[in-house]
PDB file of N, CA and C in Angstrom:
ATOM      1  N   UNK A   1      34.288  -5.035  -4.477  1.00  0.00           N
ATOM      2  CA  UNK A   1      33.292  -5.364  -3.676  1.00  0.00           C
ATOM      3  C   UNK A   1      31.797  -5.065  -4.155  1.00  0.00           C
ATOM      4  N   UNK A   2      31.301  -6.252  -5.029  1.00  0.00           N
ATOM      5  CA  UNK A   2      30.335  -5.722  -4.962  1.00  0.00           C
ATOM      6  C   UNK A   2      29.079  -5.103  -4.571  1.00  0.00           C
ATOM      7  N   UNK A   3      28.483  -4.292  -4.556  1.00  0.00           N
ATOM      8  CA  UNK A   3      26.686  -3.984  -3.954  1.00  0.00           C
ATOM      9  C   UNK A   3      26.477  -4.367  -4.632  1.00  0.00           C
ATOM     10  N   UNK A   4      25.329  -5.198  -3.346  1.00  0.00           N
ATOM     11  CA  UNK A   4      24.449  -6.459  -3.736  1.00  0.00           C
ATOM     12  C   UNK A   4      23.141  -5.547  -2.901  1.00  0.00           C
ATOM     13  N   UNK A   5      21.742  -5.524  -4.419  1.00  0.00           N
ATOM     14  CA  UNK A   5      20.754  -4.816  -3.221  1.00  0.00           C
ATOM     15  C   UNK A   5      19.825  -6.304  -3.085  1.00  0.00           C
ATOM     16  N   UNK A   6      19.786  -7.387  -3.160  1.00  0.00           N
ATOM     17  CA  UNK A   6      19.173  -8.935  -3.506  1.00  0.00           C
ATOM     18  C   UNK A   6      18.459  -7.952  -2.092  1.00  0.00           C
ATOM     19  N   UNK A   7      18.819  -8.250  -1.631  1.00  0.00           N
ATOM     20  CA  UNK A   7      17.836  -8.059   0.018  1.00  0.00           C
ATOM     21  C   UNK A   7      17.107  -7.414   0.773  1.00  0.00           C
ATOM     22  N   UNK A   8      17.493  -6.022  -0.419  1.00  0.00           N
ATOM     23  CA  UNK A   8      16.247  -4.734   0.050  1.00  0.00           C
ATOM     24  C   UNK A   8      14.914  -5.258  -0.404  1.00  0.00           C
ATOM     25  N   UNK A   9      13.786  -4.569   0.284  1.00  0.00           N
ATOM     26  CA  UNK A   9      12.878  -4.726  -0.419  1.00  0.00           C
ATOM     27  C   UNK A   9      12.224  -3.729  -1.257  1.00  0.00           C
ATOM     28  N   UNK A  10      11.289  -4.419  -2.084  1.00  0.00           N
ATOM     29  CA  UNK A  10      11.021  -2.952  -3.202  1.00  0.00           C
ATOM     30  C   UNK A  10       9.334  -3.151  -3.069  1.00  0.00           C
ATOM     31  N   UNK A  11       9.221  -1.762  -3.161  1.00  0.00           N
ATOM     32  CA  UNK A  11       7.530  -1.684  -3.467  1.00  0.00           C
ATOM     33  C   UNK A  11       6.480  -1.614  -4.790  1.00  0.00           C
ATOM     34  N   UNK A  12       5.604  -3.225  -4.667  1.00  0.00           N
ATOM     35  CA  UNK A  12       5.279  -3.275  -5.780  1.00  0.00           C
ATOM     36  C   UNK A  12       3.551  -2.831  -5.665  1.00  0.00           C
ATOM     37  N   UNK A  13       3.106  -2.388  -6.524  1.00  0.00           N
ATOM     38  CA  UNK A  13       1.175  -1.880  -6.481  1.00  0.00           C
ATOM     39  C   UNK A  13       1.113  -2.972  -7.493  1.00  0.00           C
ATOM     40  N   UNK A  14      -0.393  -3.771  -6.688  1.00  0.00           N
ATOM     41  CA  UNK A  14      -0.517  -5.038  -7.501  1.00  0.00           C
ATOM     42  C   UNK A  14      -1.949  -4.440  -8.783  1.00  0.00           C
ATOM     43  N   UNK A  15      -2.037  -5.031 -10.182  1.00  0.00           N
ATOM     44  CA  UNK A  15      -2.490  -4.428 -11.235  1.00  0.00           C
ATOM     45  C   UNK A  15      -3.672  -4.781 -10.472  1.00  0.00           C
ATOM     46  N   UNK A  16      -4.337  -5.583 -10.026  1.00  0.00           N
ATOM     47  CA  UNK A  16      -5.618  -6.040  -9.328  1.00  0.00           C
ATOM     48  C   UNK A  16      -6.433  -4.729  -8.745  1.00  0.00           C
ATOM     49  N   UNK A  17      -6.120  -5.458  -6.879  1.00  0.00           N
ATOM     50  CA  UNK A  17      -7.076  -4.342  -6.156  1.00  0.00           C
ATOM     51  C   UNK A  17      -5.819  -3.103  -6.103  1.00  0.00           C
ATOM     52  N   UNK A  18      -4.904  -3.279  -6.071  1.00  0.00           N
ATOM     53  CA  UNK A  18      -3.963  -1.650  -6.273  1.00  0.00           C
ATOM     54  C   UNK A  18      -3.193  -1.474  -4.893  1.00  0.00           C
ATOM     55  N   UNK A  19      -3.199  -2.486  -4.084  1.00  0.00           N
ATOM     56  CA  UNK A  19      -2.618  -2.318  -2.563  1.00  0.00           C
ATOM     57  C   UNK A  19      -1.096  -2.673  -3.010  1.00  0.00           C
ATOM     58  N   UNK A  20      -0.334  -1.699  -2.357  1.00  0.00           N
ATOM     59  CA  UNK A  20       0.813  -1.976  -2.282  1.00  0.00           C
ATOM     60  C   UNK A  20       1.787  -2.949  -1.906  1.00  0.00           C
ATOM     61  N   UNK A  21       2.892  -3.973  -1.670  1.00  0.00           N
ATOM     62  CA  UNK A  21       3.333  -4.647  -0.640  1.00  0.00           C
ATOM     63  C   UNK A  21       4.587  -4.660  -1.750  1.00  0.00           C
ATOM     64  N   UNK A  22       5.403  -5.348  -0.010  1.00  0.00           N
ATOM     65  CA  UNK A  22       6.853  -5.048  -0.529  1.00  0.00           C
ATOM     66  C   UNK A  22       7.402  -6.599  -1.138  1.00  0.00           C
ATOM     67  N   UNK A  23       8.368  -6.453  -1.982  1.00  0.00           N
ATOM     68  CA  UNK A  23       8.750  -7.881  -2.875  1.00  0.00           C
ATOM     69  C   UNK A  23      10.630  -7.890  -2.500  1.00  0.00           C
ATOM     70  N   UNK A  24      11.238  -9.134  -2.270  1.00  0.00           N
ATOM     71  CA  UNK A  24      13.104  -8.844  -2.319  1.00  0.00           C
ATOM     72  C   UNK A  24      13.437  -8.339  -3.287  1.00  0.00           C
ATOM     73  N   UNK A  25      14.280  -7.358  -3.694  1.00  0.00           N
ATOM     74  CA  UNK A  25      14.656  -7.594  -5.362  1.00  0.00           C
ATOM     75  C   UNK A  25      15.609  -8.809  -5.977  1.00  0.00           C
ATOM     76  N   UNK A  26      15.665  -9.012  -4.882  1.00  0.00           N
ATOM     77  CA  UNK A  26      17.017 -10.588  -5.696  1.00  0.00           C
ATOM     78  C   UNK A  26      15.951 -11.210  -5.983  1.00  0.00           C
ATOM     79  N   UNK A  27      14.536 -11.685  -5.156  1.00  0.00           N
ATOM     80  CA  UNK A  27      13.813 -12.624  -5.782  1.00  0.00           C
ATOM     81  C   UNK A  27      12.873 -12.132  -6.728  1.00  0.00           C
ATOM     82  N   UNK A  28      13.195 -11.145  -7.242  1.00  0.00           N
ATOM     83  CA  UNK A  28      12.108 -10.324  -8.798  1.00  0.00           C
ATOM     84  C   UNK A  28      13.431 -10.708  -9.976  1.00  0.00           C
ATOM     85  N   UNK A  29      14.596 -10.265  -9.285  1.00  0.00           N
ATOM     86  CA  UNK A  29      15.920 -10.559 -10.877  1.00  0.00           C
ATOM     87  C   UNK A  29      15.508 -11.375 -11.287  1.00  0.00           C
ATOM     88  N   UNK A  30      15.502 -12.614 -10.462  1.00  0.00           N
ATOM     89  CA  UNK A  30      15.393 -14.590 -11.156  1.00  0.00           C
ATOM     90  C   UNK A  30      14.311 -14.268 -11.819  1.00  0.00           C
ATOM     91  N   UNK A  31      13.196 -14.096 -11.252  1.00  0.00           N
ATOM     92  CA  UNK A  31      11.589 -14.742 -11.825  1.00  0.00           C
ATOM     93  C   UNK A  31      10.384 -13.063 -11.052  1.00  0.00           C
ATOM     94  N   UNK A  32      11.093 -12.780 -12.401  1.00  0.00           N
ATOM     95  CA  UNK A  32      10.076 -11.633 -11.544  1.00  0.00           C
ATOM     96  C   UNK A  32       8.042 -11.561 -11.887  1.00  0.00           C
ATOM     97  N   UNK A  33       7.700 -12.744 -11.215  1.00  0.00           N
ATOM     98  CA  UNK A  33       6.429 -13.351 -11.157  1.00  0.00           C
ATOM     99  C   UNK A  33       6.327 -13.198  -9.545  1.00  0.00           C
ATOM    100  N   UNK A  34       5.159 -12.532  -8.937  1.00  0.00           N
ATOM    101  CA  UNK A  34       4.927 -12.304  -7.494  1.00  0.00           C
ATOM    102  C   UNK A  34       3.429 -12.664  -7.046  1.00  0.00           C
ATOM    103  N   UNK A  35       3.216 -12.453  -6.111  1.00  0.00           N
ATOM    104  CA  UNK A  35       1.857 -12.808  -5.636  1.00  0.00           C
ATOM    105  C   UNK A  35       1.492 -12.054  -4.622  1.00  0.00           C
ATOM    106  N   UNK A  36      -0.180 -11.275  -5.093  1.00  0.00           N
ATOM    107  CA  UNK A  36       0.043 -10.051  -4.245  1.00  0.00           C
ATOM    108  C   UNK A  36      -0.866 -10.938  -2.783  1.00  0.00           C
ATOM    109  N   UNK A  37      -0.160 -10.721  -1.574  1.00  0.00           N
ATOM    110  CA  UNK A  37      -1.068 -10.987  -0.417  1.00  0.00           C
ATOM    111  C   UNK A  37      -2.462 -10.362  -0.488  1.00  0.00           C
ATOM    112  N   UNK A  38      -2.511  -9.617  -0.657  1.00  0.00           N
ATOM    113  CA  UNK A  38      -3.896  -8.473  -0.442  1.00  0.00           C
ATOM    114  C   UNK A  38      -5.093  -9.129  -1.216  1.00  0.00           C
ATOM    115  N   UNK A  39      -4.787 -10.036  -2.428  1.00  0.00           N
ATOM    116  CA  UNK A  39      -5.878 -10.557  -3.156  1.00  0.00           C
ATOM    117  C   UNK A  39      -5.416 -11.284  -3.650  1.00  0.00           C
ATOM    118  N   UNK A  40      -4.749 -11.977  -3.548  1.00  0.00           N
ATOM    119  CA  UNK A  40      -3.692 -13.626  -3.796  1.00  0.00           C
ATOM    120  C   UNK A  40      -3.643 -13.283  -5.467  1.00  0.00           C
ATOM    121  N   UNK A  41      -3.548 -12.477  -6.402  1.00  0.00           N
ATOM    122  CA  UNK A  41      -3.318 -12.443  -7.592  1.00  0.00           C
ATOM    123  C   UNK A  41      -1.658 -12.634  -8.265  1.00  0.00           C
ATOM    124  N   UNK A  42      -1.673 -13.571  -8.702  1.00  0.00           N
ATOM    125  CA  UNK A  42      -0.828 -13.848  -9.254  1.00  0.00           C
ATOM    126  C   UNK A  42      -0.073 -13.180 -10.987  1.00  0.00           C
ATOM    127  N   UNK A  43       1.109 -12.528 -10.463  1.00  0.00           N
ATOM    128  CA  UNK A  43       1.300 -11.774 -11.938  1.00  0.00           C
ATOM    129  C   UNK A  43       2.799 -11.892 -11.960  1.00  0.00           C
ATOM    130  N   UNK A  44       3.108 -10.972 -13.454  1.00  0.00           N
ATOM    131  CA  UNK A  44       4.269 -11.464 -13.865  1.00  0.00           C
ATOM    132  C   UNK A  44       4.301  -9.238 -13.822  1.00  0.00           C
ATOM    133  N   UNK A  45       5.700  -9.000 -13.439  1.00  0.00           N
ATOM    134  CA  UNK A  45       6.429  -7.503 -13.055  1.00  0.00           C
ATOM    135  C   UNK A  45       6.477  -7.387 -15.208  1.00  0.00           C
ATOM    136  N   UNK A  46       6.005  -6.119 -15.376  1.00  0.00           N
ATOM    137  CA  UNK A  46       6.199  -6.381 -16.626  1.00  0.00           C
ATOM    138  C   UNK A  46       7.858  -6.402 -17.055  1.00  0.00           C
ATOM    139  N   UNK A  47       8.201  -6.450 -18.781  1.00  0.00           N
ATOM    140  CA  UNK A  47       9.369  -6.763 -19.080  1.00  0.00           C
ATOM    141  C   UNK A  47       9.933  -5.390 -18.680  1.00  0.00           C
ATOM    142  N   UNK A  48       9.738  -4.592 -19.223  1.00  0.00           N
ATOM    143  CA  UNK A  48      10.128  -2.767 -18.673  1.00  0.00           C
ATOM    144  C   UNK A  48      10.423  -3.207 -17.043  1.00  0.00           C
ATOM    145  N   UNK A  49       9.465  -2.913 -16.500  1.00  0.00           N
ATOM    146  CA  UNK A  49      10.021  -3.237 -14.923  1.00  0.00           C
ATOM    147  C   UNK A  49      11.040  -3.574 -14.431  1.00  0.00           C
ATOM    148  N   UNK A  50      11.006  -5.036 -14.837  1.00  0.00           N
ATOM    149  CA  UNK A  50      11.841  -5.969 -14.545  1.00  0.00           C
ATOM    150  C   UNK A  50      13.577  -5.597 -14.872  1.00  0.00           C
ATOM    151  N   UNK A  51      12.901  -4.892 -16.220  1.00  0.00           N
ATOM    152  CA  UNK A  51      14.944  -4.194 -17.665  1.00  0.00           C
ATOM    153  C   UNK A  51      15.193  -3.391 -16.071  1.00  0.00           C
ATOM    154  N   UNK A  52      14.816  -2.280 -15.443  1.00  0.00           N
ATOM    155  CA  UNK A  52      15.375  -1.786 -14.742  1.00  0.00           C
ATOM    156  C   UNK A  52      15.231  -1.906 -13.446  1.00  0.00           C
ATOM    157  N   UNK A  53      14.781  -2.875 -12.977  1.00  0.00           N
ATOM    158  CA  UNK A  53      15.222  -4.142 -11.943  1.00  0.00           C
ATOM    159  C   UNK A  53      16.969  -4.289 -12.079  1.00  0.00           C
ATOM    160  N   UNK A  54      16.977  -4.991 -13.133  1.00  0.00           N
ATOM    161  CA  UNK A  54      18.091  -5.537 -13.883  1.00  0.00           C
ATOM    162  C   UNK A  54      19.764  -4.479 -14.623  1.00  0.00           C
ATOM    163  N   UNK A  55      19.129  -3.861 -14.574  1.00  0.00           N
ATOM    164  CA  UNK A  55      19.651  -2.185 -15.325  1.00  0.00           C
ATOM    165  C   UNK A  55      20.643  -1.914 -13.799  1.00  0.00           C
ATOM    166  N   UNK A  56      19.446  -1.489 -12.452  1.00  0.00           N
ATOM    167  CA  UNK A  56      19.630  -1.532 -10.990  1.00  0.00           C
ATOM    168  C   UNK A  56      21.040  -1.912 -10.744  1.00  0.00           C
ATOM    169  N   UNK A  57      20.833  -3.277 -10.754  1.00  0.00           N
ATOM    170  CA  UNK A  57      21.772  -3.818 -10.169  1.00  0.00           C
ATOM    171  C   UNK A  57      23.046  -4.022 -11.176  1.00  0.00           C
ATOM    172  N   UNK A  58      22.866  -4.342 -12.288  1.00  0.00           N
ATOM    173  CA  UNK A  58      24.205  -3.961 -12.897  1.00  0.00           C
ATOM    174  C   UNK A  58      24.885  -2.553 -12.695  1.00  0.00           C
ATOM    175  N   UNK A  59      24.209  -1.438 -12.669  1.00  0.00           N
ATOM    176  CA  UNK A  59      24.817  -0.237 -12.211  1.00  0.00           C
ATOM    177  C   UNK A  59      25.534  -0.458 -10.881  1.00  0.00           C
ATOM    178  N   UNK A  60      24.757  -1.362  -9.953  1.00  0.00           N
ATOM    179  CA  UNK A  60      25.402  -1.080  -8.735  1.00  0.00           C
ATOM    180  C   UNK A  60      26.839  -2.141  -8.707  1.00  0.00           C
ATOM    181  N   UNK A  61      26.631  -3.131  -9.463  1.00  0.00           N
ATOM    182  CA  UNK A  61      28.055  -4.242 -10.259  1.00  0.00           C
ATOM    183  C   UNK A  61      29.407  -3.315 -10.358  1.00  0.00           C
ATOM    184  N   UNK A  62      29.218  -2.262 -11.335  1.00  0.00           N
ATOM    185  CA  UNK A  62      30.061  -1.560 -12.326  1.00  0.00           C
ATOM    186  C   UNK A  62      30.856   0.023 -10.745  1.00  0.00           C
ATOM    187  N   UNK A  63      29.348  -0.095 -10.211  1.00  0.00           N
ATOM    188  CA  UNK A  63      29.993   1.097  -8.740  1.00  0.00           C
ATOM    189  C   UNK A  63      31.136   0.473  -7.802  1.00  0.00           C
ATOM    190  N   UNK A  64      30.509  -0.653  -7.524  1.00  0.00           N
ATOM    191  CA  UNK A  64      31.401  -2.113  -6.788  1.00  0.00           C
ATOM    192  C   UNK A  64      32.290  -1.881  -7.415  1.00  0.00           C
ATOM    193  N   UNK A  65      32.799  -2.139  -8.433  1.00  0.00           N
ATOM    194  CA  UNK A  65      34.115  -2.659  -9.502  1.00  0.00           C
ATOM    195  C   UNK A  65      35.172  -1.105  -8.654  1.00  0.00           C
ATOM    196  N   UNK A  66      34.216  -0.033  -9.461  1.00  0.00           N
ATOM    197  CA  UNK A  66      35.358   1.694  -9.375  1.00  0.00           C
ATOM    198  C   UNK A  66      35.854   1.400  -7.739  1.00  0.00           C
ATOM    199  N   UNK A  67      35.274   0.999  -6.861  1.00  0.00           N
ATOM    200  CA  UNK A  67      35.738   1.307  -5.555  1.00  0.00           C
ATOM    201  C   UNK A  67      36.606   0.181  -5.752  1.00  0.00           C
ATOM    202  N   UNK A  68      36.828  -0.961  -5.529  1.00  0.00           N
ATOM    203  CA  UNK A  68      37.450  -1.995  -5.585  1.00  0.00           C
ATOM    204  C   UNK A  68      38.835  -1.612  -6.033  1.00  0.00           C
ATOM    205  N   UNK A  69      38.765  -0.869  -7.371  1.00  0.00           N
ATOM    206  CA  UNK A  69      40.259  -0.335  -7.811  1.00  0.00           C
ATOM    207  C   UNK A  69      41.262   0.379  -7.036  1.00  0.00           C
TER     208      UNK A  69
END
């Protein structure tokens, strides 16, 4: 029973204008590049932030396996 948060939105602050917007976790896991809808700036999440997202999904996968037993 894998727990999947890929459709869950996460809030991201734009490094250019500072406005926050939401992006789906699953989309950021595959390609941590996004575009701010406020100022149209395209940017890549810093590696440590992208690693946190992958780590969160990995932890959920492990938790799902515990419930499956």
